[in-house]
Amino acid sequence: MGMDRFNLNVARAFIGRHVNLHLKDGSVLINVYISDAKREDGRKPAVYCIAQHRKLPLRIFLKEIRWMEQLNPHLLA
């Protein structure tokens, strides 16, 4: 059984972890930290992540994400 759709509950499971974000346009955001996943004020659900080269969080809507790949924390050290 595969995952039919990437949803907010799946995104919340990755909060506090480093992941690679695979987007639907074929691009990949490498080694980003997932800081939050929420729906704000009736807006579309989004994931907030922090990349290593930026201090401010990025907001990426869930409809743009194909899947998340969790990184092995032992390889990051």
N, C-alpha and C. Protein backbone atom coordinates (compact mmCIF):
# COMPACT_ATOMS: atom_id res chain seq x y z
N MET A 1 0.84 -1.19 0.00
CA MET A 1 0.00 0.00 0.00
C MET A 1 0.87 1.24 0.00
N GLY A 2 0.69 2.08 -0.96
CA GLY A 2 1.43 3.33 -1.03
C GLY A 2 0.62 4.47 -0.46
N MET A 3 1.29 5.56 -0.23
CA MET A 3 0.62 6.74 0.28
C MET A 3 -0.02 7.47 -0.90
N ASP A 4 -1.34 7.61 -0.86
CA ASP A 4 -2.06 8.23 -1.96
C ASP A 4 -1.82 9.73 -2.04
N ARG A 5 -1.77 10.37 -0.90
CA ARG A 5 -1.67 11.83 -0.89
C ARG A 5 -0.84 12.28 0.31
N PHE A 6 -0.02 13.27 0.08
CA PHE A 6 0.75 13.88 1.16
C PHE A 6 -0.17 14.87 1.83
N ASN A 7 -0.46 14.70 3.12
CA ASN A 7 -1.40 15.57 3.80
C ASN A 7 -0.77 16.19 5.05
N LEU A 8 -1.54 17.00 5.75
CA LEU A 8 -1.05 17.74 6.90
C LEU A 8 -0.63 16.81 8.04
N ASN A 9 -1.33 15.73 8.25
CA ASN A 9 -0.97 14.80 9.32
C ASN A 9 0.38 14.14 9.04
N VAL A 10 0.66 13.81 7.80
CA VAL A 10 1.95 13.24 7.44
C VAL A 10 3.05 14.28 7.64
N ALA A 11 2.78 15.51 7.26
CA ALA A 11 3.77 16.58 7.42
C ALA A 11 4.08 16.84 8.89
N ARG A 12 3.08 16.76 9.74
CA ARG A 12 3.29 17.00 11.17
C ARG A 12 4.18 15.92 11.80
N ALA A 13 4.21 14.75 11.23
CA ALA A 13 5.07 13.69 11.75
C ALA A 13 6.55 14.00 11.56
N PHE A 14 6.87 14.92 10.66
CA PHE A 14 8.25 15.27 10.37
C PHE A 14 8.73 16.53 11.09
N ILE A 15 7.90 17.13 11.94
CA ILE A 15 8.30 18.34 12.66
C ILE A 15 9.48 18.02 13.57
N GLY A 16 10.50 18.87 13.51
CA GLY A 16 11.69 18.69 14.34
C GLY A 16 12.73 17.78 13.72
N ARG A 17 12.58 17.46 12.45
CA ARG A 17 13.51 16.56 11.78
C ARG A 17 14.11 17.22 10.55
N HIS A 18 15.27 16.73 10.16
CA HIS A 18 15.91 17.16 8.92
C HIS A 18 15.46 16.23 7.81
N VAL A 19 15.03 16.81 6.69
CA VAL A 19 14.50 16.03 5.58
C VAL A 19 14.99 16.60 4.25
N ASN A 20 14.82 15.82 3.21
CA ASN A 20 14.91 16.30 1.83
C ASN A 20 13.48 16.44 1.34
N LEU A 21 13.12 17.61 0.84
CA LEU A 21 11.77 17.86 0.33
C LEU A 21 11.78 17.66 -1.18
N HIS A 22 11.00 16.72 -1.65
CA HIS A 22 10.86 16.48 -3.09
C HIS A 22 9.58 17.18 -3.54
N LEU A 23 9.74 18.14 -4.43
CA LEU A 23 8.60 18.93 -4.89
C LEU A 23 8.03 18.37 -6.19
N LYS A 24 6.81 18.73 -6.49
CA LYS A 24 6.13 18.20 -7.67
C LYS A 24 6.73 18.69 -8.98
N ASP A 25 7.44 19.81 -8.96
CA ASP A 25 8.07 20.29 -10.19
C ASP A 25 9.39 19.59 -10.48
N GLY A 26 9.78 18.63 -9.64
CA GLY A 26 10.99 17.85 -9.87
C GLY A 26 12.19 18.33 -9.08
N SER A 27 12.09 19.46 -8.42
CA SER A 27 13.23 19.96 -7.64
C SER A 27 13.24 19.34 -6.25
N VAL A 28 14.41 19.41 -5.61
CA VAL A 28 14.58 18.84 -4.28
C VAL A 28 15.26 19.88 -3.40
N LEU A 29 14.68 20.13 -2.23
CA LEU A 29 15.32 20.98 -1.23
C LEU A 29 16.05 20.04 -0.28
N ILE A 30 17.36 20.19 -0.22
CA ILE A 30 18.19 19.23 0.51
C ILE A 30 18.47 19.74 1.92
N ASN A 31 18.34 18.84 2.88
CA ASN A 31 18.69 19.05 4.28
C ASN A 31 18.03 20.30 4.85
N VAL A 32 16.72 20.29 4.90
CA VAL A 32 15.98 21.37 5.54
C VAL A 32 15.38 20.85 6.84
N TYR A 33 15.24 21.75 7.81
CA TYR A 33 14.68 21.43 9.12
C TYR A 33 13.21 21.83 9.12
N ILE A 34 12.34 20.89 9.40
CA ILE A 34 10.90 21.16 9.44
C ILE A 34 10.56 21.75 10.80
N SER A 35 10.17 23.02 10.81
CA SER A 35 9.87 23.69 12.07
C SER A 35 8.39 23.67 12.43
N ASP A 36 7.52 23.61 11.41
CA ASP A 36 6.09 23.62 11.70
C ASP A 36 5.32 23.17 10.47
N ALA A 37 4.13 22.67 10.69
CA ALA A 37 3.20 22.31 9.62
C ALA A 37 1.81 22.65 10.11
N LYS A 38 1.18 23.62 9.46
CA LYS A 38 -0.12 24.07 9.96
C LYS A 38 -0.93 24.74 8.87
N ARG A 39 -2.19 24.96 9.21
CA ARG A 39 -3.12 25.70 8.37
C ARG A 39 -3.42 27.00 9.12
N GLU A 40 -3.19 28.12 8.49
CA GLU A 40 -3.37 29.41 9.15
C GLU A 40 -4.60 30.14 8.65
N ASP A 41 -5.49 30.48 9.55
CA ASP A 41 -6.63 31.36 9.27
C ASP A 41 -7.40 30.97 8.01
N GLY A 42 -7.70 29.71 7.85
CA GLY A 42 -8.47 29.26 6.71
C GLY A 42 -7.68 29.17 5.42
N ARG A 43 -6.37 29.37 5.48
CA ARG A 43 -5.55 29.27 4.29
C ARG A 43 -5.24 27.81 3.99
N LYS A 44 -4.56 27.61 2.91
CA LYS A 44 -4.14 26.27 2.54
C LYS A 44 -3.06 25.79 3.49
N PRO A 45 -2.99 24.49 3.77
CA PRO A 45 -1.96 23.98 4.69
C PRO A 45 -0.56 24.17 4.10
N ALA A 46 0.38 24.44 5.00
CA ALA A 46 1.75 24.71 4.57
C ALA A 46 2.74 24.11 5.55
N VAL A 47 3.95 23.89 5.06
CA VAL A 47 5.06 23.42 5.86
C VAL A 47 6.04 24.57 5.98
N TYR A 48 6.51 24.81 7.19
CA TYR A 48 7.53 25.83 7.42
C TYR A 48 8.84 25.12 7.69
N CYS A 49 9.85 25.45 6.91
CA CYS A 49 11.14 24.79 7.05
C CYS A 49 12.26 25.81 7.01
N ILE A 50 13.39 25.44 7.58
CA ILE A 50 14.55 26.31 7.65
C ILE A 50 15.69 25.62 6.92
N ALA A 51 16.22 26.28 5.89
CA ALA A 51 17.36 25.77 5.15
C ALA A 51 18.64 26.24 5.85
N GLN A 52 19.74 25.56 5.59
CA GLN A 52 20.98 25.89 6.27
C GLN A 52 21.48 27.28 5.92
N HIS A 53 21.28 27.73 4.71
CA HIS A 53 21.82 29.00 4.27
C HIS A 53 20.91 30.19 4.57
N ARG A 54 19.72 29.93 5.14
CA ARG A 54 18.78 31.01 5.45
C ARG A 54 18.44 31.00 6.93
N LYS A 55 18.16 32.15 7.46
CA LYS A 55 17.75 32.26 8.86
C LYS A 55 16.24 32.27 9.01
N LEU A 56 15.54 32.79 8.01
CA LEU A 56 14.09 32.88 8.05
C LEU A 56 13.46 31.60 7.52
N PRO A 57 12.33 31.19 8.08
CA PRO A 57 11.68 29.97 7.58
C PRO A 57 11.05 30.17 6.20
N LEU A 58 11.08 29.12 5.43
CA LEU A 58 10.41 29.09 4.13
C LEU A 58 9.01 28.52 4.33
N ARG A 59 8.04 29.05 3.61
CA ARG A 59 6.68 28.49 3.65
C ARG A 59 6.44 27.80 2.31
N ILE A 60 6.18 26.51 2.38
CA ILE A 60 5.90 25.73 1.17
C ILE A 60 4.54 25.08 1.36
N PHE A 61 3.64 25.33 0.42
CA PHE A 61 2.30 24.76 0.51
C PHE A 61 2.35 23.26 0.25
N LEU A 62 1.48 22.52 0.91
CA LEU A 62 1.48 21.06 0.79
C LEU A 62 1.17 20.59 -0.62
N LYS A 63 0.43 21.37 -1.37
CA LYS A 63 0.10 20.94 -2.73
C LYS A 63 1.33 20.95 -3.63
N GLU A 64 2.42 21.61 -3.21
CA GLU A 64 3.65 21.65 -3.99
C GLU A 64 4.61 20.51 -3.64
N ILE A 65 4.34 19.78 -2.56
CA ILE A 65 5.25 18.74 -2.07
C ILE A 65 4.78 17.37 -2.55
N ARG A 66 5.69 16.62 -3.15
CA ARG A 66 5.39 15.25 -3.55
C ARG A 66 5.61 14.30 -2.38
N TRP A 67 6.78 14.39 -1.72
CA TRP A 67 7.06 13.58 -0.55
C TRP A 67 8.26 14.12 0.19
N MET A 68 8.46 13.63 1.43
CA MET A 68 9.59 14.00 2.27
C MET A 68 10.42 12.76 2.54
N GLU A 69 11.71 12.94 2.51
CA GLU A 69 12.64 11.84 2.80
C GLU A 69 13.43 12.22 4.05
N GLN A 70 13.22 11.46 5.13
CA GLN A 70 13.92 11.77 6.37
C GLN A 70 15.40 11.42 6.24
N LEU A 71 16.26 12.30 6.75
CA LEU A 71 17.70 12.07 6.70
C LEU A 71 18.15 11.27 7.91
N ASN A 72 19.21 10.53 7.76
CA ASN A 72 19.79 9.77 8.85
C ASN A 72 20.59 10.73 9.72
N PRO A 73 20.23 10.89 11.01
CA PRO A 73 20.93 11.86 11.86
C PRO A 73 22.39 11.48 12.13
N HIS A 74 22.73 10.23 11.99
CA HIS A 74 24.11 9.79 12.23
C HIS A 74 25.03 10.21 11.09
N LEU A 75 24.48 10.41 9.91
CA LEU A 75 25.30 10.84 8.78
C LEU A 75 25.52 12.36 8.78
N LEU A 76 24.68 13.11 9.51
CA LEU A 76 24.80 14.56 9.54
C LEU A 76 25.90 15.03 10.48
N ALA A 77 26.25 14.23 11.45
CA ALA A 77 27.25 14.65 12.45
C ALA A 77 28.65 14.59 11.93
